[in-house]
Amino acid sequence: MKTITLDVSELVWADFQRYAREQDRPTSELLREAMELYRQSRIRPPRSLRDLKPSSLGAVLQPWSGWGELLEGLLEPLDPRD
């Protein structure tokens, strides 16, 4: 774990100390938790499939024939020789 020095306003520090006492937790633990929450929401936010941009995979090889053919292909047993 890395030790750091951090300058904060007296008001912010007092709020963290008061809250830490109320929660029976060390102030440093609250600050680490706050930093981790910030990191997760701003620096490394979770990505969703909705965030991905579509990309082209080339021309259509075979026209869509419906769900039946797709499901049939998924349910076929695998050939161990493949």
PDB file of N, CA and C in Angstrom:
ATOM      1  N   MET A   1       0.846  -1.166   0.000  1.00  0.00           N
ATOM      2  CA  MET A   1       0.000   0.000   0.000  1.00  0.00           C
ATOM      3  C   MET A   1       0.898   1.238   0.000  1.00  0.00           C
ATOM      4  N   LYS A   2       0.507   2.233  -0.753  1.00  0.00           N
ATOM      5  CA  LYS A   2       1.275   3.464  -0.907  1.00  0.00           C
ATOM      6  C   LYS A   2       0.803   4.506   0.101  1.00  0.00           C
ATOM      7  N   THR A   3       1.750   5.109   0.824  1.00  0.00           N
ATOM      8  CA  THR A   3       1.440   6.202   1.737  1.00  0.00           C
ATOM      9  C   THR A   3       1.494   7.510   0.963  1.00  0.00           C
ATOM     10  N   ILE A   4       0.458   8.345   1.149  1.00  0.00           N
ATOM     11  CA  ILE A   4       0.409   9.632   0.453  1.00  0.00           C
ATOM     12  C   ILE A   4       0.139  10.754   1.439  1.00  0.00           C
ATOM     13  N   THR A   5       0.465  11.972   1.027  1.00  0.00           N
ATOM     14  CA  THR A   5       0.123  13.166   1.778  1.00  0.00           C
ATOM     15  C   THR A   5      -0.912  13.915   0.966  1.00  0.00           C
ATOM     16  N   LEU A   6      -1.973  14.336   1.620  1.00  0.00           N
ATOM     17  CA  LEU A   6      -3.094  14.946   0.924  1.00  0.00           C
ATOM     18  C   LEU A   6      -3.524  16.209   1.654  1.00  0.00           C
ATOM     19  N   ASP A   7      -3.631  17.315   0.937  1.00  0.00           N
ATOM     20  CA  ASP A   7      -4.129  18.564   1.516  1.00  0.00           C
ATOM     21  C   ASP A   7      -5.619  18.673   1.250  1.00  0.00           C
ATOM     22  N   VAL A   8      -6.405  18.800   2.312  1.00  0.00           N
ATOM     23  CA  VAL A   8      -7.853  18.984   2.192  1.00  0.00           C
ATOM     24  C   VAL A   8      -8.273  20.131   3.099  1.00  0.00           C
ATOM     25  N   SER A   9      -9.441  20.674   2.819  1.00  0.00           N
ATOM     26  CA  SER A   9      -9.934  21.763   3.662  1.00  0.00           C
ATOM     27  C   SER A   9     -10.255  21.230   5.058  1.00  0.00           C
ATOM     28  N   GLU A  10     -10.221  22.117   6.028  1.00  0.00           N
ATOM     29  CA  GLU A  10     -10.544  21.734   7.409  1.00  0.00           C
ATOM     30  C   GLU A  10     -11.959  21.176   7.503  1.00  0.00           C
ATOM     31  N   LEU A  11     -12.877  21.771   6.758  1.00  0.00           N
ATOM     32  CA  LEU A  11     -14.269  21.330   6.787  1.00  0.00           C
ATOM     33  C   LEU A  11     -14.408  19.891   6.269  1.00  0.00           C
ATOM     34  N   VAL A  12     -13.753  19.602   5.149  1.00  0.00           N
ATOM     35  CA  VAL A  12     -13.813  18.252   4.584  1.00  0.00           C
ATOM     36  C   VAL A  12     -13.196  17.249   5.561  1.00  0.00           C
ATOM     37  N   TRP A  13     -12.048  17.586   6.113  1.00  0.00           N
ATOM     38  CA  TRP A  13     -11.375  16.690   7.058  1.00  0.00           C
ATOM     39  C   TRP A  13     -12.245  16.443   8.288  1.00  0.00           C
ATOM     40  N   ALA A  14     -12.866  17.504   8.810  1.00  0.00           N
ATOM     41  CA  ALA A  14     -13.730  17.370   9.989  1.00  0.00           C
ATOM     42  C   ALA A  14     -14.927  16.464   9.672  1.00  0.00           C
ATOM     43  N   ASP A  15     -15.506  16.629   8.476  1.00  0.00           N
ATOM     44  CA  ASP A  15     -16.640  15.783   8.099  1.00  0.00           C
ATOM     45  C   ASP A  15     -16.227  14.317   8.026  1.00  0.00           C
ATOM     46  N   PHE A  16     -15.072  14.046   7.436  1.00  0.00           N
ATOM     47  CA  PHE A  16     -14.611  12.656   7.335  1.00  0.00           C
ATOM     48  C   PHE A  16     -14.309  12.078   8.718  1.00  0.00           C
ATOM     49  N   GLN A  17     -13.687  12.864   9.572  1.00  0.00           N
ATOM     50  CA  GLN A  17     -13.379  12.368  10.919  1.00  0.00           C
ATOM     51  C   GLN A  17     -14.658  12.086  11.700  1.00  0.00           C
ATOM     52  N   ARG A  18     -15.620  12.994  11.623  1.00  0.00           N
ATOM     53  CA  ARG A  18     -16.881  12.810  12.343  1.00  0.00           C
ATOM     54  C   ARG A  18     -17.595  11.557  11.845  1.00  0.00           C
ATOM     55  N   TYR A  19     -17.680  11.422  10.533  1.00  0.00           N
ATOM     56  CA  TYR A  19     -18.361  10.267   9.965  1.00  0.00           C
ATOM     57  C   TYR A  19     -17.629   8.967  10.321  1.00  0.00           C
ATOM     58  N   ALA A  20     -16.322   8.993  10.292  1.00  0.00           N
ATOM     59  CA  ALA A  20     -15.529   7.808  10.653  1.00  0.00           C
ATOM     60  C   ALA A  20     -15.817   7.386  12.091  1.00  0.00           C
ATOM     61  N   ARG A  21     -15.897   8.352  12.997  1.00  0.00           N
ATOM     62  CA  ARG A  21     -16.223   8.022  14.397  1.00  0.00           C
ATOM     63  C   ARG A  21     -17.614   7.403  14.498  1.00  0.00           C
ATOM     64  N   GLU A  22     -18.578   7.985  13.762  1.00  0.00           N
ATOM     65  CA  GLU A  22     -19.948   7.460  13.791  1.00  0.00           C
ATOM     66  C   GLU A  22     -20.006   6.028  13.277  1.00  0.00           C
ATOM     67  N   GLN A  23     -19.186   5.717  12.305  1.00  0.00           N
ATOM     68  CA  GLN A  23     -19.174   4.385  11.696  1.00  0.00           C
ATOM     69  C   GLN A  23     -18.202   3.436  12.393  1.00  0.00           C
ATOM     70  N   ASP A  24     -17.482   3.939  13.379  1.00  0.00           N
ATOM     71  CA  ASP A  24     -16.463   3.165  14.091  1.00  0.00           C
ATOM     72  C   ASP A  24     -15.448   2.575  13.109  1.00  0.00           C
ATOM     73  N   ARG A  25     -14.964   3.464  12.230  1.00  0.00           N
ATOM     74  CA  ARG A  25     -13.977   3.082  11.211  1.00  0.00           C
ATOM     75  C   ARG A  25     -12.874   4.130  11.186  1.00  0.00           C
ATOM     76  N   PRO A  26     -11.681   3.757  10.770  1.00  0.00           N
ATOM     77  CA  PRO A  26     -10.607   4.739  10.636  1.00  0.00           C
ATOM     78  C   PRO A  26     -10.900   5.707   9.477  1.00  0.00           C
ATOM     79  N   THR A  27     -10.515   6.954   9.655  1.00  0.00           N
ATOM     80  CA  THR A  27     -10.694   7.955   8.607  1.00  0.00           C
ATOM     81  C   THR A  27      -9.968   7.523   7.333  1.00  0.00           C
ATOM     82  N   SER A  28      -8.788   6.961   7.492  1.00  0.00           N
ATOM     83  CA  SER A  28      -8.019   6.534   6.318  1.00  0.00           C
ATOM     84  C   SER A  28      -8.776   5.483   5.506  1.00  0.00           C
ATOM     85  N   GLU A  29      -9.521   4.629   6.174  1.00  0.00           N
ATOM     86  CA  GLU A  29     -10.305   3.613   5.474  1.00  0.00           C
ATOM     87  C   GLU A  29     -11.407   4.273   4.634  1.00  0.00           C
ATOM     88  N   LEU A  30     -12.050   5.299   5.203  1.00  0.00           N
ATOM     89  CA  LEU A  30     -13.079   6.014   4.447  1.00  0.00           C
ATOM     90  C   LEU A  30     -12.481   6.708   3.230  1.00  0.00           C
ATOM     91  N   LEU A  31     -11.308   7.288   3.387  1.00  0.00           N
ATOM     92  CA  LEU A  31     -10.662   7.968   2.267  1.00  0.00           C
ATOM     93  C   LEU A  31     -10.259   6.974   1.178  1.00  0.00           C
ATOM     94  N   ARG A  32      -9.758   5.822   1.569  1.00  0.00           N
ATOM     95  CA  ARG A  32      -9.428   4.792   0.572  1.00  0.00           C
ATOM     96  C   ARG A  32     -10.686   4.349  -0.164  1.00  0.00           C
ATOM     97  N   GLU A  33     -11.773   4.163   0.579  1.00  0.00           N
ATOM     98  CA  GLU A  33     -13.033   3.762  -0.036  1.00  0.00           C
ATOM     99  C   GLU A  33     -13.537   4.849  -0.996  1.00  0.00           C
ATOM    100  N   ALA A  34     -13.436   6.114  -0.587  1.00  0.00           N
ATOM    101  CA  ALA A  34     -13.867   7.220  -1.443  1.00  0.00           C
ATOM    102  C   ALA A  34     -13.023   7.276  -2.713  1.00  0.00           C
ATOM    103  N   MET A  35     -11.733   7.068  -2.578  1.00  0.00           N
ATOM    104  CA  MET A  35     -10.864   7.077  -3.750  1.00  0.00           C
ATOM    105  C   MET A  35     -11.204   5.921  -4.684  1.00  0.00           C
ATOM    106  N   GLU A  36     -11.490   4.756  -4.141  1.00  0.00           N
ATOM    107  CA  GLU A  36     -11.840   3.602  -4.971  1.00  0.00           C
ATOM    108  C   GLU A  36     -13.164   3.828  -5.696  1.00  0.00           C
ATOM    109  N   LEU A  37     -14.140   4.396  -5.018  1.00  0.00           N
ATOM    110  CA  LEU A  37     -15.417   4.699  -5.670  1.00  0.00           C
ATOM    111  C   LEU A  37     -15.225   5.696  -6.805  1.00  0.00           C
ATOM    112  N   TYR A  38     -14.391   6.701  -6.587  1.00  0.00           N
ATOM    113  CA  TYR A  38     -14.098   7.685  -7.628  1.00  0.00           C
ATOM    114  C   TYR A  38     -13.411   7.003  -8.812  1.00  0.00           C
ATOM    115  N   ARG A  39     -12.460   6.146  -8.515  1.00  0.00           N
ATOM    116  CA  ARG A  39     -11.728   5.427  -9.566  1.00  0.00           C
ATOM    117  C   ARG A  39     -12.678   4.574 -10.402  1.00  0.00           C
ATOM    118  N   GLN A  40     -13.585   3.868  -9.731  1.00  0.00           N
ATOM    119  CA  GLN A  40     -14.514   2.993 -10.446  1.00  0.00           C
ATOM    120  C   GLN A  40     -15.526   3.775 -11.276  1.00  0.00           C
ATOM    121  N   SER A  41     -15.927   4.945 -10.808  1.00  0.00           N
ATOM    122  CA  SER A  41     -16.960   5.688 -11.536  1.00  0.00           C
ATOM    123  C   SER A  41     -16.393   6.646 -12.577  1.00  0.00           C
ATOM    124  N   ARG A  42     -15.179   7.156 -12.381  1.00  0.00           N
ATOM    125  CA  ARG A  42     -14.646   8.176 -13.277  1.00  0.00           C
ATOM    126  C   ARG A  42     -13.422   7.739 -14.072  1.00  0.00           C
ATOM    127  N   ILE A  43     -12.519   7.017 -13.445  1.00  0.00           N
ATOM    128  CA  ILE A  43     -11.255   6.664 -14.101  1.00  0.00           C
ATOM    129  C   ILE A  43     -11.390   5.361 -14.880  1.00  0.00           C
ATOM    130  N   ARG A  44     -12.016   4.370 -14.269  1.00  0.00           N
ATOM    131  CA  ARG A  44     -12.219   3.071 -14.922  1.00  0.00           C
ATOM    132  C   ARG A  44     -13.682   2.668 -14.819  1.00  0.00           C
ATOM    133  N   PRO A  45     -14.554   3.425 -15.477  1.00  0.00           N
ATOM    134  CA  PRO A  45     -15.982   3.095 -15.368  1.00  0.00           C
ATOM    135  C   PRO A  45     -16.275   1.752 -16.017  1.00  0.00           C
ATOM    136  N   PRO A  46     -17.295   1.067 -15.508  1.00  0.00           N
ATOM    137  CA  PRO A  46     -17.657  -0.215 -16.118  1.00  0.00           C
ATOM    138  C   PRO A  46     -18.128   0.007 -17.549  1.00  0.00           C
ATOM    139  N   ARG A  47     -17.791  -0.916 -18.407  1.00  0.00           N
ATOM    140  CA  ARG A  47     -18.200  -0.810 -19.808  1.00  0.00           C
ATOM    141  C   ARG A  47     -19.344  -1.777 -20.063  1.00  0.00           C
ATOM    142  N   SER A  48     -20.219  -1.361 -20.918  1.00  0.00           N
ATOM    143  CA  SER A  48     -21.372  -2.153 -21.308  1.00  0.00           C
ATOM    144  C   SER A  48     -21.273  -2.447 -22.798  1.00  0.00           C
ATOM    145  N   LEU A  49     -21.945  -3.480 -23.230  1.00  0.00           N
ATOM    146  CA  LEU A  49     -22.005  -3.757 -24.662  1.00  0.00           C
ATOM    147  C   LEU A  49     -22.638  -2.584 -25.400  1.00  0.00           C
ATOM    148  N   ARG A  50     -23.495  -1.848 -24.725  1.00  0.00           N
ATOM    149  CA  ARG A  50     -24.130  -0.683 -25.338  1.00  0.00           C
ATOM    150  C   ARG A  50     -23.120   0.425 -25.631  1.00  0.00           C
ATOM    151  N   ASP A  51     -21.981   0.422 -24.942  1.00  0.00           N
ATOM    152  CA  ASP A  51     -20.950   1.437 -25.157  1.00  0.00           C
ATOM    153  C   ASP A  51     -20.104   1.158 -26.393  1.00  0.00           C
ATOM    154  N   LEU A  52     -20.133  -0.079 -26.876  1.00  0.00           N
ATOM    155  CA  LEU A  52     -19.293  -0.451 -28.009  1.00  0.00           C
ATOM    156  C   LEU A  52     -19.871   0.075 -29.305  1.00  0.00           C
ATOM    157  N   LYS A  53     -19.003   0.519 -30.175  1.00  0.00           N
ATOM    158  CA  LYS A  53     -19.405   0.999 -31.488  1.00  0.00           C
ATOM    159  C   LYS A  53     -19.526  -0.200 -32.427  1.00  0.00           C
ATOM    160  N   PRO A  54     -20.529  -0.191 -33.311  1.00  0.00           N
ATOM    161  CA  PRO A  54     -20.642  -1.302 -34.258  1.00  0.00           C
ATOM    162  C   PRO A  54     -19.468  -1.315 -35.226  1.00  0.00           C
ATOM    163  N   SER A  55     -19.090  -2.487 -35.649  1.00  0.00           N
ATOM    164  CA  SER A  55     -18.021  -2.595 -36.637  1.00  0.00           C
ATOM    165  C   SER A  55     -18.460  -3.544 -37.735  1.00  0.00           C
ATOM    166  N   SER A  56     -17.948  -3.314 -38.910  1.00  0.00           N
ATOM    167  CA  SER A  56     -18.313  -4.144 -40.048  1.00  0.00           C
ATOM    168  C   SER A  56     -17.435  -5.389 -40.074  1.00  0.00           C
ATOM    169  N   LEU A  57     -18.056  -6.507 -40.340  1.00  0.00           N
ATOM    170  CA  LEU A  57     -17.318  -7.761 -40.463  1.00  0.00           C
ATOM    171  C   LEU A  57     -17.257  -8.219 -41.916  1.00  0.00           C
ATOM    172  N   GLY A  58     -17.642  -7.328 -42.821  1.00  0.00           N
ATOM    173  CA  GLY A  58     -17.578  -7.652 -44.239  1.00  0.00           C
ATOM    174  C   GLY A  58     -18.949  -7.917 -44.817  1.00  0.00           C
ATOM    175  N   ALA A  59     -18.948  -8.501 -45.985  1.00  0.00           N
ATOM    176  CA  ALA A  59     -20.189  -8.770 -46.712  1.00  0.00           C
ATOM    177  C   ALA A  59     -20.951  -9.916 -46.070  1.00  0.00           C
ATOM    178  N   VAL A  60     -22.263  -9.939 -46.293  1.00  0.00           N
ATOM    179  CA  VAL A  60     -23.109 -11.029 -45.823  1.00  0.00           C
ATOM    180  C   VAL A  60     -22.796 -12.264 -46.661  1.00  0.00           C
ATOM    181  N   LEU A  61     -22.488 -13.359 -46.007  1.00  0.00           N
ATOM    182  CA  LEU A  61     -22.134 -14.588 -46.710  1.00  0.00           C
ATOM    183  C   LEU A  61     -23.373 -15.379 -47.113  1.00  0.00           C
ATOM    184  N   GLN A  62     -24.392 -15.301 -46.269  1.00  0.00           N
ATOM    185  CA  GLN A  62     -25.607 -16.064 -46.523  1.00  0.00           C
ATOM    186  C   GLN A  62     -26.767 -15.269 -45.932  1.00  0.00           C
ATOM    187  N   PRO A  63     -27.867 -15.126 -46.644  1.00  0.00           N
ATOM    188  CA  PRO A  63     -28.986 -14.360 -46.098  1.00  0.00           C
ATOM    189  C   PRO A  63     -29.560 -15.014 -44.849  1.00  0.00           C
ATOM    190  N   TRP A  64     -30.112 -14.191 -43.990  1.00  0.00           N
ATOM    191  CA  TRP A  64     -30.728 -14.663 -42.742  1.00  0.00           C
ATOM    192  C   TRP A  64     -31.941 -15.499 -43.074  1.00  0.00           C
ATOM    193  N   SER A  65     -32.013 -16.686 -42.504  1.00  0.00           N
ATOM    194  CA  SER A  65     -33.140 -17.565 -42.798  1.00  0.00           C
ATOM    195  C   SER A  65     -34.038 -17.773 -41.590  1.00  0.00           C
ATOM    196  N   GLY A  66     -33.768 -17.103 -40.514  1.00  0.00           N
ATOM    197  CA  GLY A  66     -34.636 -17.193 -39.343  1.00  0.00           C
ATOM    198  C   GLY A  66     -34.001 -17.956 -38.193  1.00  0.00           C
ATOM    199  N   TRP A  67     -34.705 -17.938 -37.086  1.00  0.00           N
ATOM    200  CA  TRP A  67     -34.200 -18.527 -35.844  1.00  0.00           C
ATOM    201  C   TRP A  67     -34.095 -20.044 -35.919  1.00  0.00           C
ATOM    202  N   GLY A  68     -34.974 -20.691 -36.681  1.00  0.00           N
ATOM    203  CA  GLY A  68     -34.978 -22.151 -36.733  1.00  0.00           C
ATOM    204  C   GLY A  68     -33.638 -22.720 -37.145  1.00  0.00           C
ATOM    205  N   GLU A  69     -33.071 -22.176 -38.207  1.00  0.00           N
ATOM    206  CA  GLU A  69     -31.781 -22.675 -38.694  1.00  0.00           C
ATOM    207  C   GLU A  69     -30.669 -22.384 -37.685  1.00  0.00           C
ATOM    208  N   LEU A  70     -30.738 -21.237 -37.073  1.00  0.00           N
ATOM    209  CA  LEU A  70     -29.721 -20.885 -36.078  1.00  0.00           C
ATOM    210  C   LEU A  70     -29.771 -21.850 -34.904  1.00  0.00           C
ATOM    211  N   LEU A  71     -30.969 -22.076 -34.371  1.00  0.00           N
ATOM    212  CA  LEU A  71     -31.111 -22.982 -33.227  1.00  0.00           C
ATOM    213  C   LEU A  71     -30.742 -24.416 -33.605  1.00  0.00           C
ATOM    214  N   GLU A  72     -31.115 -24.816 -34.816  1.00  0.00           N
ATOM    215  CA  GLU A  72     -30.763 -26.153 -35.280  1.00  0.00           C
ATOM    216  C   GLU A  72     -29.248 -26.335 -35.296  1.00  0.00           C
ATOM    217  N   GLY A  73     -28.539 -25.326 -35.767  1.00  0.00           N
ATOM    218  CA  GLY A  73     -27.082 -25.387 -35.792  1.00  0.00           C
ATOM    219  C   GLY A  73     -26.478 -25.439 -34.402  1.00  0.00           C
ATOM    220  N   LEU A  74     -27.103 -24.763 -33.447  1.00  0.00           N
ATOM    221  CA  LEU A  74     -26.584 -24.776 -32.077  1.00  0.00           C
ATOM    222  C   LEU A  74     -26.829 -26.105 -31.384  1.00  0.00           C
ATOM    223  N   LEU A  75     -27.904 -26.771 -31.755  1.00  0.00           N
ATOM    224  CA  LEU A  75     -28.264 -28.014 -31.086  1.00  0.00           C
ATOM    225  C   LEU A  75     -27.631 -29.256 -31.703  1.00  0.00           C
ATOM    226  N   GLU A  76     -27.013 -29.107 -32.858  1.00  0.00           N
ATOM    227  CA  GLU A  76     -26.352 -30.252 -33.481  1.00  0.00           C
ATOM    228  C   GLU A  76     -25.171 -30.690 -32.627  1.00  0.00           C
ATOM    229  N   PRO A  77     -25.003 -32.018 -32.466  1.00  0.00           N
ATOM    230  CA  PRO A  77     -23.833 -32.477 -31.692  1.00  0.00           C
ATOM    231  C   PRO A  77     -22.538 -32.126 -32.451  1.00  0.00           C
ATOM    232  N   LEU A  78     -21.508 -31.825 -31.688  1.00  0.00           N
ATOM    233  CA  LEU A  78     -20.229 -31.492 -32.286  1.00  0.00           C
ATOM    234  C   LEU A  78     -19.555 -32.760 -32.791  1.00  0.00           C
ATOM    235  N   ASP A  79     -18.925 -32.641 -33.940  1.00  0.00           N
ATOM    236  CA  ASP A  79     -18.172 -33.751 -34.500  1.00  0.00           C
ATOM    237  C   ASP A  79     -16.772 -33.708 -33.881  1.00  0.00           C
ATOM    238  N   PRO A  80     -16.358 -34.735 -33.135  1.00  0.00           N
ATOM    239  CA  PRO A  80     -15.056 -34.701 -32.465  1.00  0.00           C
ATOM    240  C   PRO A  80     -13.886 -34.648 -33.459  1.00  0.00           C
ATOM    241  N   ARG A  81     -14.133 -34.947 -34.730  1.00  0.00           N
ATOM    242  CA  ARG A  81     -13.056 -34.887 -35.713  1.00  0.00           C
ATOM    243  C   ARG A  81     -12.765 -33.464 -36.163  1.00  0.00           C
ATOM    244  N   ASP A  82     -13.661 -32.508 -35.851  1.00  0.00           N
ATOM    245  CA  ASP A  82     -13.457 -31.109 -36.278  1.00  0.00           C
ATOM    246  C   ASP A  82     -12.452 -30.407 -35.429  1.00  0.00           C
TER     247      ASP A  82
END
